[in-house]
Amino acid sequence: PAEGRKVSNIVMMGMGEPLYNFEQVKKALLIASDGDGLALSKRRI
């Protein structure tokens, strides 16, 4: 992208069923959306 973040959106849509690994996915996505860190908007996840 010409402006802003290069990785602006993420999709849990790769290999596997994310809801069969809920706790680990949850932990990772909460860190990804943490405002003091990676700070991705939950509307972009």
PDB file of all heavy atoms in Angstrom:
ATOM      1  N   PRO A   1       0.824  -1.213   0.000  1.00  0.00           N
ATOM      2  CA  PRO A   1       0.000   0.000   0.000  1.00  0.00           C
ATOM      3  C   PRO A   1       0.852   1.254   0.000  1.00  0.00           C
ATOM      4  O   PRO A   1       1.903   1.310   0.644  1.00  0.00           O
ATOM      5  CB  PRO A   1      -0.807  -0.134   1.299  1.00  0.00           C
ATOM      6  CG  PRO A   1      -0.859  -1.602   1.560  1.00  0.00           C
ATOM      7  CD  PRO A   1       0.446  -2.138   1.094  1.00  0.00           C
ATOM      8  N   ALA A   2       0.396   2.276  -0.714  1.00  0.00           N
ATOM      9  CA  ALA A   2       1.170   3.501  -0.857  1.00  0.00           C
ATOM     10  C   ALA A   2       1.289   4.263   0.455  1.00  0.00           C
ATOM     11  O   ALA A   2       2.287   4.952   0.690  1.00  0.00           O
ATOM     12  CB  ALA A   2       0.543   4.390  -1.925  1.00  0.00           C
ATOM     13  N   GLU A   3       0.284   4.150   1.310  1.00  0.00           N
ATOM     14  CA  GLU A   3       0.282   4.867   2.574  1.00  0.00           C
ATOM     15  C   GLU A   3      -0.103   3.924   3.701  1.00  0.00           C
ATOM     16  O   GLU A   3      -0.755   2.906   3.499  1.00  0.00           O
ATOM     17  CB  GLU A   3      -0.689   6.049   2.533  1.00  0.00           C
ATOM     18  CG  GLU A   3      -0.337   7.116   1.497  1.00  0.00           C
ATOM     19  CD  GLU A   3      -1.327   8.259   1.490  1.00  0.00           C
ATOM     20  OE1 GLU A   3      -2.357   8.147   2.216  1.00  0.00           O
ATOM     21  OE2 GLU A   3      -1.090   9.254   0.785  1.00  0.00           O
ATOM     22  N   GLY A   4       0.312   4.290   4.908  1.00  0.00           N
ATOM     23  CA  GLY A   4      -0.075   3.525   6.079  1.00  0.00           C
ATOM     24  C   GLY A   4       0.698   2.233   6.213  1.00  0.00           C
ATOM     25  O   GLY A   4       1.772   2.046   5.637  1.00  0.00           O
ATOM     26  N   ARG A   5       0.125   1.336   6.938  1.00  0.00           N
ATOM     27  CA  ARG A   5       0.783   0.072   7.222  1.00  0.00           C
ATOM     28  C   ARG A   5       0.864  -0.822   5.988  1.00  0.00           C
ATOM     29  O   ARG A   5      -0.050  -0.834   5.157  1.00  0.00           O
ATOM     30  CB  ARG A   5       0.042  -0.678   8.319  1.00  0.00           C
ATOM     31  CG  ARG A   5       0.128  -0.017   9.690  1.00  0.00           C
ATOM     32  CD  ARG A   5      -0.449  -0.935  10.726  1.00  0.00           C
ATOM     33  NE  ARG A   5      -0.245  -0.436  12.079  1.00  0.00           N
ATOM     34  CZ  ARG A   5      -0.477  -1.136  13.164  1.00  0.00           C
ATOM     35  NH1 ARG A   5      -0.915  -2.389  13.062  1.00  0.00           N
ATOM     36  NH2 ARG A   5      -0.262  -0.620  14.355  1.00  0.00           N
ATOM     37  N   LYS A   6       1.954  -1.558   5.922  1.00  0.00           N
ATOM     38  CA  LYS A   6       2.076  -2.548   4.861  1.00  0.00           C
ATOM     39  C   LYS A   6       1.166  -3.736   5.132  1.00  0.00           C
ATOM     40  O   LYS A   6       0.572  -4.303   4.220  1.00  0.00           O
ATOM     41  CB  LYS A   6       3.526  -3.028   4.726  1.00  0.00           C
ATOM     42  CG  LYS A   6       4.473  -2.090   4.000  1.00  0.00           C
ATOM     43  CD  LYS A   6       4.592  -0.747   4.526  1.00  0.00           C
ATOM     44  CE  LYS A   6       5.653   0.108   3.832  1.00  0.00           C
ATOM     45  NZ  LYS A   6       5.864   1.345   4.635  1.00  0.00           N
ATOM     46  N   VAL A   7       1.082  -4.153   6.411  1.00  0.00           N
ATOM     47  CA  VAL A   7       0.128  -5.180   6.821  1.00  0.00           C
ATOM     48  C   VAL A   7      -0.948  -4.486   7.638  1.00  0.00           C
ATOM     49  O   VAL A   7      -0.774  -4.220   8.822  1.00  0.00           O
ATOM     50  CB  VAL A   7       0.788  -6.299   7.642  1.00  0.00           C
ATOM     51  CG1 VAL A   7      -0.256  -7.362   8.014  1.00  0.00           C
ATOM     52  CG2 VAL A   7       1.942  -6.933   6.882  1.00  0.00           C
ATOM     53  N   SER A   8      -2.054  -4.175   7.006  1.00  0.00           N
ATOM     54  CA  SER A   8      -3.117  -3.421   7.669  1.00  0.00           C
ATOM     55  C   SER A   8      -4.262  -4.319   8.129  1.00  0.00           C
ATOM     56  O   SER A   8      -5.024  -3.934   9.015  1.00  0.00           O
ATOM     57  CB  SER A   8      -3.670  -2.353   6.725  1.00  0.00           C
ATOM     58  OG  SER A   8      -4.236  -2.961   5.556  1.00  0.00           O
ATOM     59  N   ASN A   9      -4.405  -5.505   7.512  1.00  0.00           N
ATOM     60  CA  ASN A   9      -5.485  -6.436   7.808  1.00  0.00           C
ATOM     61  C   ASN A   9      -4.923  -7.840   7.964  1.00  0.00           C
ATOM     62  O   ASN A   9      -3.973  -8.211   7.256  1.00  0.00           O
ATOM     63  CB  ASN A   9      -6.529  -6.446   6.689  1.00  0.00           C
ATOM     64  CG  ASN A   9      -7.242  -5.125   6.511  1.00  0.00           C
ATOM     65  OD1 ASN A   9      -6.637  -4.077   6.294  1.00  0.00           O
ATOM     66  ND2 ASN A   9      -8.564  -5.156   6.606  1.00  0.00           N
ATOM     67  N   ILE A  10      -5.495  -8.613   8.857  1.00  0.00           N
ATOM     68  CA  ILE A  10      -5.137 -10.016   8.936  1.00  0.00           C
ATOM     69  C   ILE A  10      -6.394 -10.871   8.907  1.00  0.00           C
ATOM     70  O   ILE A  10      -7.466 -10.449   9.355  1.00  0.00           O
ATOM     71  CB  ILE A  10      -4.284 -10.361  10.172  1.00  0.00           C
ATOM     72  CG1 ILE A  10      -5.003 -10.018  11.473  1.00  0.00           C
ATOM     73  CG2 ILE A  10      -2.943  -9.653  10.107  1.00  0.00           C
ATOM     74  CD1 ILE A  10      -4.215 -10.450  12.717  1.00  0.00           C
ATOM     75  N   VAL A  11      -6.257 -12.061   8.346  1.00  0.00           N
ATOM     76  CA  VAL A  11      -7.365 -13.003   8.220  1.00  0.00           C
ATOM     77  C   VAL A  11      -6.905 -14.361   8.726  1.00  0.00           C
ATOM     78  O   VAL A  11      -5.908 -14.900   8.236  1.00  0.00           O
ATOM     79  CB  VAL A  11      -7.852 -13.138   6.758  1.00  0.00           C
ATOM     80  CG1 VAL A  11      -9.079 -14.035   6.690  1.00  0.00           C
ATOM     81  CG2 VAL A  11      -8.177 -11.788   6.152  1.00  0.00           C
ATOM     82  N   MET A  12      -7.618 -14.914   9.688  1.00  0.00           N
ATOM     83  CA  MET A  12      -7.357 -16.284  10.119  1.00  0.00           C
ATOM     84  C   MET A  12      -8.059 -17.200   9.139  1.00  0.00           C
ATOM     85  O   MET A  12      -9.166 -17.669   9.359  1.00  0.00           O
ATOM     86  CB  MET A  12      -7.850 -16.513  11.546  1.00  0.00           C
ATOM     87  CG  MET A  12      -7.168 -15.689  12.610  1.00  0.00           C
ATOM     88  SD  MET A  12      -5.384 -15.961  12.730  1.00  0.00           S
ATOM     89  CE  MET A  12      -5.271 -17.737  12.897  1.00  0.00           C
ATOM     90  N   MET A  13      -7.392 -17.446   8.022  1.00  0.00           N
ATOM     91  CA  MET A  13      -7.983 -18.217   6.941  1.00  0.00           C
ATOM     92  C   MET A  13      -6.938 -19.068   6.243  1.00  0.00           C
ATOM     93  O   MET A  13      -7.089 -19.469   5.107  1.00  0.00           O
ATOM     94  CB  MET A  13      -8.671 -17.284   5.946  1.00  0.00           C
ATOM     95  CG  MET A  13      -9.606 -17.983   4.959  1.00  0.00           C
ATOM     96  SD  MET A  13     -10.238 -16.836   3.739  1.00  0.00           S
ATOM     97  CE  MET A  13     -11.553 -16.085   4.629  1.00  0.00           C
ATOM     98  N   GLY A  14      -5.830 -19.322   6.895  1.00  0.00           N
ATOM     99  CA  GLY A  14      -4.807 -20.170   6.307  1.00  0.00           C
ATOM    100  C   GLY A  14      -5.092 -21.630   6.593  1.00  0.00           C
ATOM    101  O   GLY A  14      -6.239 -22.066   6.647  1.00  0.00           O
ATOM    102  N   MET A  15      -4.061 -22.392   6.786  1.00  0.00           N
ATOM    103  CA  MET A  15      -4.223 -23.811   7.065  1.00  0.00           C
ATOM    104  C   MET A  15      -4.907 -24.025   8.415  1.00  0.00           C
ATOM    105  O   MET A  15      -4.541 -23.400   9.412  1.00  0.00           O
ATOM    106  CB  MET A  15      -2.853 -24.486   7.059  1.00  0.00           C
ATOM    107  CG  MET A  15      -2.124 -24.401   5.725  1.00  0.00           C
ATOM    108  SD  MET A  15      -0.449 -25.072   5.795  1.00  0.00           S
ATOM    109  CE  MET A  15      -0.822 -26.803   6.118  1.00  0.00           C
ATOM    110  N   GLY A  16      -5.917 -24.915   8.435  1.00  0.00           N
ATOM    111  CA  GLY A  16      -6.564 -25.282   9.682  1.00  0.00           C
ATOM    112  C   GLY A  16      -7.863 -24.548   9.961  1.00  0.00           C
ATOM    113  O   GLY A  16      -8.234 -23.598   9.271  1.00  0.00           O
ATOM    114  N   GLU A  17      -8.560 -25.001  10.989  1.00  0.00           N
ATOM    115  CA  GLU A  17      -9.796 -24.404  11.476  1.00  0.00           C
ATOM    116  C   GLU A  17      -9.470 -23.651  12.770  1.00  0.00           C
ATOM    117  O   GLU A  17      -9.203 -24.258  13.802  1.00  0.00           O
ATOM    118  CB  GLU A  17     -10.840 -25.488  11.737  1.00  0.00           C
ATOM    119  CG  GLU A  17     -12.053 -25.052  12.555  1.00  0.00           C
ATOM    120  CD  GLU A  17     -12.782 -23.846  11.996  1.00  0.00           C
ATOM    121  OE1 GLU A  17     -13.315 -23.924  10.874  1.00  0.00           O
ATOM    122  OE2 GLU A  17     -12.818 -22.820  12.697  1.00  0.00           O
ATOM    123  N   PRO A  18      -9.476 -22.305  12.734  1.00  0.00           N
ATOM    124  CA  PRO A  18      -9.045 -21.541  13.911  1.00  0.00           C
ATOM    125  C   PRO A  18      -9.870 -21.794  15.164  1.00  0.00           C
ATOM    126  O   PRO A  18      -9.349 -21.720  16.275  1.00  0.00           O
ATOM    127  CB  PRO A  18      -9.138 -20.080  13.449  1.00  0.00           C
ATOM    128  CG  PRO A  18     -10.003 -20.104  12.232  1.00  0.00           C
ATOM    129  CD  PRO A  18      -9.805 -21.425  11.596  1.00  0.00           C
ATOM    130  N   LEU A  19     -11.159 -22.107  15.025  1.00  0.00           N
ATOM    131  CA  LEU A  19     -11.992 -22.327  16.205  1.00  0.00           C
ATOM    132  C   LEU A  19     -11.772 -23.695  16.833  1.00  0.00           C
ATOM    133  O   LEU A  19     -12.293 -23.954  17.919  1.00  0.00           O
ATOM    134  CB  LEU A  19     -13.463 -22.108  15.874  1.00  0.00           C
ATOM    135  CG  LEU A  19     -13.817 -20.668  15.487  1.00  0.00           C
ATOM    136  CD1 LEU A  19     -15.316 -20.485  15.368  1.00  0.00           C
ATOM    137  CD2 LEU A  19     -13.241 -19.662  16.487  1.00  0.00           C
ATOM    138  N   TYR A  20     -10.999 -24.564  16.196  1.00  0.00           N
ATOM    139  CA  TYR A  20     -10.541 -25.791  16.830  1.00  0.00           C
ATOM    140  C   TYR A  20      -9.210 -25.587  17.545  1.00  0.00           C
ATOM    141  O   TYR A  20      -8.652 -26.532  18.096  1.00  0.00           O
ATOM    142  CB  TYR A  20     -10.434 -26.922  15.816  1.00  0.00           C
ATOM    143  CG  TYR A  20     -11.746 -27.629  15.535  1.00  0.00           C
ATOM    144  CD1 TYR A  20     -11.947 -28.318  14.357  1.00  0.00           C
ATOM    145  CD2 TYR A  20     -12.778 -27.617  16.464  1.00  0.00           C
ATOM    146  CE1 TYR A  20     -13.146 -28.967  14.095  1.00  0.00           C
ATOM    147  CE2 TYR A  20     -13.978 -28.270  16.218  1.00  0.00           C
ATOM    148  CZ  TYR A  20     -14.155 -28.939  15.031  1.00  0.00           C
ATOM    149  OH  TYR A  20     -15.346 -29.594  14.784  1.00  0.00           O
ATOM    150  N   ASN A  21      -8.714 -24.390  17.531  1.00  0.00           N
ATOM    151  CA  ASN A  21      -7.521 -24.000  18.279  1.00  0.00           C
ATOM    152  C   ASN A  21      -7.793 -22.657  18.953  1.00  0.00           C
ATOM    153  O   ASN A  21      -6.991 -21.745  18.928  1.00  0.00           O
ATOM    154  CB  ASN A  21      -6.312 -23.910  17.334  1.00  0.00           C
ATOM    155  CG  ASN A  21      -4.988 -23.718  18.064  1.00  0.00           C
ATOM    156  OD1 ASN A  21      -4.871 -23.980  19.262  1.00  0.00           O
ATOM    157  ND2 ASN A  21      -3.970 -23.255  17.334  1.00  0.00           N
ATOM    158  N   PHE A  22      -8.976 -22.554  19.559  1.00  0.00           N
ATOM    159  CA  PHE A  22      -9.503 -21.268  19.995  1.00  0.00           C
ATOM    160  C   PHE A  22      -8.591 -20.542  20.961  1.00  0.00           C
ATOM    161  O   PHE A  22      -8.312 -19.350  20.785  1.00  0.00           O
ATOM    162  CB  PHE A  22     -10.889 -21.449  20.626  1.00  0.00           C
ATOM    163  CG  PHE A  22     -11.532 -20.141  21.028  1.00  0.00           C
ATOM    164  CD1 PHE A  22     -12.276 -19.413  20.113  1.00  0.00           C
ATOM    165  CD2 PHE A  22     -11.389 -19.639  22.308  1.00  0.00           C
ATOM    166  CE1 PHE A  22     -12.861 -18.203  20.470  1.00  0.00           C
ATOM    167  CE2 PHE A  22     -11.973 -18.432  22.671  1.00  0.00           C
ATOM    168  CZ  PHE A  22     -12.714 -17.712  21.750  1.00  0.00           C
ATOM    169  N   GLU A  23      -8.111 -21.201  21.998  1.00  0.00           N
ATOM    170  CA  GLU A  23      -7.375 -20.503  23.043  1.00  0.00           C
ATOM    171  C   GLU A  23      -6.086 -19.898  22.518  1.00  0.00           C
ATOM    172  O   GLU A  23      -5.735 -18.763  22.858  1.00  0.00           O
ATOM    173  CB  GLU A  23      -7.090 -21.439  24.215  1.00  0.00           C
ATOM    174  CG  GLU A  23      -8.339 -21.879  24.982  1.00  0.00           C
ATOM    175  CD  GLU A  23      -9.120 -20.723  25.589  1.00  0.00           C
ATOM    176  OE1 GLU A  23      -8.508 -19.669  25.881  1.00  0.00           O
ATOM    177  OE2 GLU A  23     -10.351 -20.844  25.759  1.00  0.00           O
ATOM    178  N   GLN A  24      -5.355 -20.632  21.689  1.00  0.00           N
ATOM    179  CA  GLN A  24      -4.108 -20.103  21.146  1.00  0.00           C
ATOM    180  C   GLN A  24      -4.368 -18.994  20.130  1.00  0.00           C
ATOM    181  O   GLN A  24      -3.647 -17.993  20.089  1.00  0.00           O
ATOM    182  CB  GLN A  24      -3.288 -21.232  20.504  1.00  0.00           C
ATOM    183  CG  GLN A  24      -2.838 -22.309  21.488  1.00  0.00           C
ATOM    184  CD  GLN A  24      -1.972 -21.755  22.607  1.00  0.00           C
ATOM    185  OE1 GLN A  24      -1.020 -21.017  22.368  1.00  0.00           O
ATOM    186  NE2 GLN A  24      -2.299 -22.112  23.837  1.00  0.00           N
ATOM    187  N   VAL A  25      -5.406 -19.153  19.316  1.00  0.00           N
ATOM    188  CA  VAL A  25      -5.785 -18.097  18.377  1.00  0.00           C
ATOM    189  C   VAL A  25      -6.215 -16.849  19.134  1.00  0.00           C
ATOM    190  O   VAL A  25      -5.824 -15.728  18.797  1.00  0.00           O
ATOM    191  CB  VAL A  25      -6.909 -18.585  17.435  1.00  0.00           C
ATOM    192  CG1 VAL A  25      -7.513 -17.419  16.653  1.00  0.00           C
ATOM    193  CG2 VAL A  25      -6.368 -19.643  16.479  1.00  0.00           C
ATOM    194  N   LYS A  26      -7.014 -17.034  20.172  1.00  0.00           N
ATOM    195  CA  LYS A  26      -7.460 -15.915  20.982  1.00  0.00           C
ATOM    196  C   LYS A  26      -6.280 -15.143  21.558  1.00  0.00           C
ATOM    197  O   LYS A  26      -6.211 -13.912  21.474  1.00  0.00           O
ATOM    198  CB  LYS A  26      -8.365 -16.416  22.111  1.00  0.00           C
ATOM    199  CG  LYS A  26      -8.751 -15.342  23.129  1.00  0.00           C
ATOM    200  CD  LYS A  26      -9.564 -15.940  24.265  1.00  0.00           C
ATOM    201  CE  LYS A  26      -9.815 -14.912  25.371  1.00  0.00           C
ATOM    202  NZ  LYS A  26     -10.607 -15.511  26.491  1.00  0.00           N
ATOM    203  N   LYS A  27      -5.337 -15.846  22.146  1.00  0.00           N
ATOM    204  CA  LYS A  27      -4.188 -15.194  22.755  1.00  0.00           C
ATOM    205  C   LYS A  27      -3.401 -14.394  21.710  1.00  0.00           C
ATOM    206  O   LYS A  27      -3.009 -13.250  21.952  1.00  0.00           O
ATOM    207  CB  LYS A  27      -3.284 -16.243  23.410  1.00  0.00           C
ATOM    208  CG  LYS A  27      -2.166 -15.648  24.264  1.00  0.00           C
ATOM    209  CD  LYS A  27      -1.207 -16.723  24.777  1.00  0.00           C
ATOM    210  CE  LYS A  27      -1.892 -17.700  25.658  1.00  0.00           C
ATOM    211  NZ  LYS A  27      -0.880 -18.662  26.239  1.00  0.00           N
ATOM    212  N   ALA A  28      -3.185 -14.991  20.536  1.00  0.00           N
ATOM    213  CA  ALA A  28      -2.431 -14.311  19.482  1.00  0.00           C
ATOM    214  C   ALA A  28      -3.154 -13.072  18.971  1.00  0.00           C
ATOM    215  O   ALA A  28      -2.547 -12.012  18.782  1.00  0.00           O
ATOM    216  CB  ALA A  28      -2.150 -15.281  18.331  1.00  0.00           C
ATOM    217  N   LEU A  29      -4.468 -13.173  18.753  1.00  0.00           N
ATOM    218  CA  LEU A  29      -5.214 -12.044  18.205  1.00  0.00           C
ATOM    219  C   LEU A  29      -5.374 -10.914  19.218  1.00  0.00           C
ATOM    220  O   LEU A  29      -5.416  -9.744  18.845  1.00  0.00           O
ATOM    221  CB  LEU A  29      -6.574 -12.509  17.682  1.00  0.00           C
ATOM    222  CG  LEU A  29      -6.539 -13.429  16.469  1.00  0.00           C
ATOM    223  CD1 LEU A  29      -7.957 -13.712  15.964  1.00  0.00           C
ATOM    224  CD2 LEU A  29      -5.685 -12.849  15.344  1.00  0.00           C
ATOM    225  N   LEU A  30      -5.477 -11.248  20.499  1.00  0.00           N
ATOM    226  CA  LEU A  30      -5.535 -10.195  21.514  1.00  0.00           C
ATOM    227  C   LEU A  30      -4.227  -9.426  21.573  1.00  0.00           C
ATOM    228  O   LEU A  30      -4.222  -8.211  21.799  1.00  0.00           O
ATOM    229  CB  LEU A  30      -5.882 -10.796  22.876  1.00  0.00           C
ATOM    230  CG  LEU A  30      -7.328 -11.282  23.047  1.00  0.00           C
ATOM    231  CD1 LEU A  30      -7.530 -11.913  24.415  1.00  0.00           C
ATOM    232  CD2 LEU A  30      -8.322 -10.144  22.830  1.00  0.00           C
ATOM    233  N   ILE A  31      -3.103 -10.105  21.370  1.00  0.00           N
ATOM    234  CA  ILE A  31      -1.818  -9.408  21.306  1.00  0.00           C
ATOM    235  C   ILE A  31      -1.738  -8.574  20.036  1.00  0.00           C
ATOM    236  O   ILE A  31      -1.281  -7.430  20.049  1.00  0.00           O
ATOM    237  CB  ILE A  31      -0.654 -10.415  21.383  1.00  0.00           C
ATOM    238  CG1 ILE A  31      -0.625 -11.081  22.756  1.00  0.00           C
ATOM    239  CG2 ILE A  31       0.681  -9.718  21.103  1.00  0.00           C
ATOM    240  CD1 ILE A  31       0.382 -12.211  22.871  1.00  0.00           C
ATOM    241  N   ALA A  32      -2.195  -9.122  18.905  1.00  0.00           N
ATOM    242  CA  ALA A  32      -2.157  -8.385  17.640  1.00  0.00           C
ATOM    243  C   ALA A  32      -2.982  -7.110  17.701  1.00  0.00           C
ATOM    244  O   ALA A  32      -2.662  -6.117  17.038  1.00  0.00           O
ATOM    245  CB  ALA A  32      -2.642  -9.277  16.499  1.00  0.00           C
ATOM    246  N   SER A  33      -4.055  -7.114  18.489  1.00  0.00           N
ATOM    247  CA  SER A  33      -4.939  -5.949  18.579  1.00  0.00           C
ATOM    248  C   SER A  33      -4.657  -5.081  19.800  1.00  0.00           C
ATOM    249  O   SER A  33      -5.366  -4.091  20.030  1.00  0.00           O
ATOM    250  CB  SER A  33      -6.404  -6.405  18.591  1.00  0.00           C
ATOM    251  OG  SER A  33      -6.677  -7.258  19.695  1.00  0.00           O
ATOM    252  N   ASP A  34      -3.647  -5.410  20.576  1.00  0.00           N
ATOM    253  CA  ASP A  34      -3.313  -4.645  21.776  1.00  0.00           C
ATOM    254  C   ASP A  34      -2.837  -3.247  21.388  1.00  0.00           C
ATOM    255  O   ASP A  34      -1.913  -3.093  20.583  1.00  0.00           O
ATOM    256  CB  ASP A  34      -2.226  -5.372  22.581  1.00  0.00           C
ATOM    257  CG  ASP A  34      -1.928  -4.701  23.901  1.00  0.00           C
ATOM    258  OD1 ASP A  34      -1.222  -3.677  23.916  1.00  0.00           O
ATOM    259  OD2 ASP A  34      -2.417  -5.183  24.931  1.00  0.00           O
ATOM    260  N   GLY A  35      -3.457  -2.239  21.980  1.00  0.00           N
ATOM    261  CA  GLY A  35      -3.161  -0.863  21.598  1.00  0.00           C
ATOM    262  C   GLY A  35      -1.768  -0.389  21.937  1.00  0.00           C
ATOM    263  O   GLY A  35      -1.286   0.586  21.359  1.00  0.00           O
ATOM    264  N   ASP A  36      -1.080  -1.059  22.857  1.00  0.00           N
ATOM    265  CA  ASP A  36       0.274  -0.679  23.228  1.00  0.00           C
ATOM    266  C   ASP A  36       1.335  -1.470  22.468  1.00  0.00           C
ATOM    267  O   ASP A  36       2.519  -1.368  22.790  1.00  0.00           O
ATOM    268  CB  ASP A  36       0.493  -0.876  24.732  1.00  0.00           C
ATOM    269  CG  ASP A  36      -0.339   0.071  25.572  1.00  0.00           C
ATOM    270  OD1 ASP A  36      -0.558   1.220  25.139  1.00  0.00           O
ATOM    271  OD2 ASP A  36      -0.788  -0.342  26.662  1.00  0.00           O
ATOM    272  N   GLY A  37       0.906  -2.242  21.484  1.00  0.00           N
ATOM    273  CA  GLY A  37       1.852  -3.056  20.738  1.00  0.00           C
ATOM    274  C   GLY A  37       1.608  -2.986  19.248  1.00  0.00           C
ATOM    275  O   GLY A  37       1.775  -1.950  18.615  1.00  0.00           O
ATOM    276  N   LEU A  38       1.162  -4.092  18.675  1.00  0.00           N
ATOM    277  CA  LEU A  38       0.910  -4.168  17.245  1.00  0.00           C
ATOM    278  C   LEU A  38      -0.284  -3.332  16.823  1.00  0.00           C
ATOM    279  O   LEU A  38      -0.351  -2.842  15.700  1.00  0.00           O
ATOM    280  CB  LEU A  38       0.720  -5.631  16.829  1.00  0.00           C
ATOM    281  CG  LEU A  38       1.981  -6.496  16.969  1.00  0.00           C
ATOM    282  CD1 LEU A  38       1.630  -7.980  16.937  1.00  0.00           C
ATOM    283  CD2 LEU A  38       2.970  -6.169  15.856  1.00  0.00           C
ATOM    284  N   ALA A  39      -1.263  -3.176  17.711  1.00  0.00           N
ATOM    285  CA  ALA A  39      -2.337  -2.189  17.582  1.00  0.00           C
ATOM    286  C   ALA A  39      -3.138  -2.292  16.287  1.00  0.00           C
ATOM    287  O   ALA A  39      -3.515  -1.286  15.688  1.00  0.00           O
ATOM    288  CB  ALA A  39      -1.770  -0.767  17.741  1.00  0.00           C
ATOM    289  N   LEU A  40      -3.430  -3.510  15.841  1.00  0.00           N
ATOM    290  CA  LEU A  40      -4.330  -3.673  14.709  1.00  0.00           C
ATOM    291  C   LEU A  40      -5.771  -3.502  15.176  1.00  0.00           C
ATOM    292  O   LEU A  40      -6.172  -4.059  16.199  1.00  0.00           O
ATOM    293  CB  LEU A  40      -4.160  -5.058  14.083  1.00  0.00           C
ATOM    294  CG  LEU A  40      -3.008  -5.254  13.108  1.00  0.00           C
ATOM    295  CD1 LEU A  40      -2.841  -6.742  12.801  1.00  0.00           C
ATOM    296  CD2 LEU A  40      -3.259  -4.481  11.826  1.00  0.00           C
ATOM    297  N   SER A  41      -6.557  -2.752  14.445  1.00  0.00           N
ATOM    298  CA  SER A  41      -7.961  -2.596  14.773  1.00  0.00           C
ATOM    299  C   SER A  41      -8.676  -3.941  14.657  1.00  0.00           C
ATOM    300  O   SER A  41      -8.446  -4.711  13.718  1.00  0.00           O
ATOM    301  CB  SER A  41      -8.616  -1.588  13.827  1.00  0.00           C
ATOM    302  OG  SER A  41     -10.034  -1.640  13.920  1.00  0.00           O
ATOM    303  N   LYS A  42      -9.559  -4.239  15.599  1.00  0.00           N
ATOM    304  CA  LYS A  42     -10.325  -5.487  15.528  1.00  0.00           C
ATOM    305  C   LYS A  42     -11.244  -5.526  14.314  1.00  0.00           C
ATOM    306  O   LYS A  42     -11.639  -6.613  13.883  1.00  0.00           O
ATOM    307  CB  LYS A  42     -11.117  -5.691  16.820  1.00  0.00           C
ATOM    308  CG  LYS A  42     -10.219  -5.993  18.021  1.00  0.00           C
ATOM    309  CD  LYS A  42     -11.030  -6.299  19.260  1.00  0.00           C
ATOM    310  CE  LYS A  42     -10.100  -6.646  20.426  1.00  0.00           C
ATOM    311  NZ  LYS A  42     -10.863  -6.993  21.653  1.00  0.00           N
ATOM    312  N   ARG A  43     -11.550  -4.381  13.765  1.00  0.00           N
ATOM    313  CA  ARG A  43     -12.343  -4.339  12.544  1.00  0.00           C
ATOM    314  C   ARG A  43     -11.501  -4.649  11.309  1.00  0.00           C
ATOM    315  O   ARG A  43     -12.039  -4.765  10.214  1.00  0.00           O
ATOM    316  CB  ARG A  43     -13.046  -2.989  12.404  1.00  0.00           C
ATOM    317  CG  ARG A  43     -14.032  -2.716  13.529  1.00  0.00           C
ATOM    318  CD  ARG A  43     -14.851  -1.488  13.307  1.00  0.00           C
ATOM    319  NE  ARG A  43     -15.731  -1.626  12.161  1.00  0.00           N
ATOM    320  CZ  ARG A  43     -16.707  -0.782  11.859  1.00  0.00           C
ATOM    321  NH1 ARG A  43     -16.948   0.235  12.636  1.00  0.00           N
ATOM    322  NH2 ARG A  43     -17.461  -0.958  10.784  1.00  0.00           N
ATOM    323  N   ARG A  44     -10.207  -4.772  11.500  1.00  0.00           N
ATOM    324  CA  ARG A  44      -9.310  -5.178  10.423  1.00  0.00           C
ATOM    325  C   ARG A  44      -8.792  -6.601  10.631  1.00  0.00           C
ATOM    326  O   ARG A  44      -7.858  -7.025   9.958  1.00  0.00           O
ATOM    327  CB  ARG A  44      -8.146  -4.188  10.295  1.00  0.00           C
ATOM    328  CG  ARG A  44      -8.586  -2.821   9.772  1.00  0.00           C
ATOM    329  CD  ARG A  44      -7.389  -1.884   9.622  1.00  0.00           C
ATOM    330  NE  ARG A  44      -7.767  -0.611   9.021  1.00  0.00           N
ATOM    331  CZ  ARG A  44      -7.752  -0.329   7.742  1.00  0.00           C
ATOM    332  NH1 ARG A  44      -7.381  -1.273   6.879  1.00  0.00           N
ATOM    333  NH2 ARG A  44      -8.097   0.855   7.285  1.00  0.00           N
ATOM    334  N   ILE A  45      -9.378  -7.302  11.598  1.00  0.00           N
ATOM    335  CA  ILE A  45      -9.033  -8.692  11.853  1.00  0.00           C
ATOM    336  C   ILE A  45     -10.265  -9.544  11.573  1.00  0.00           C
ATOM    337  O   ILE A  45     -11.334  -9.313  12.130  1.00  0.00           O
ATOM    338  CB  ILE A  45      -8.566  -8.907  13.310  1.00  0.00           C
ATOM    339  CG1 ILE A  45      -7.310  -8.065  13.598  1.00  0.00           C
ATOM    340  CG2 ILE A  45      -8.281 -10.381  13.570  1.00  0.00           C
ATOM    341  CD1 ILE A  45      -6.883  -8.104  15.056  1.00  0.00           C
TER     342      ILE A  45
END
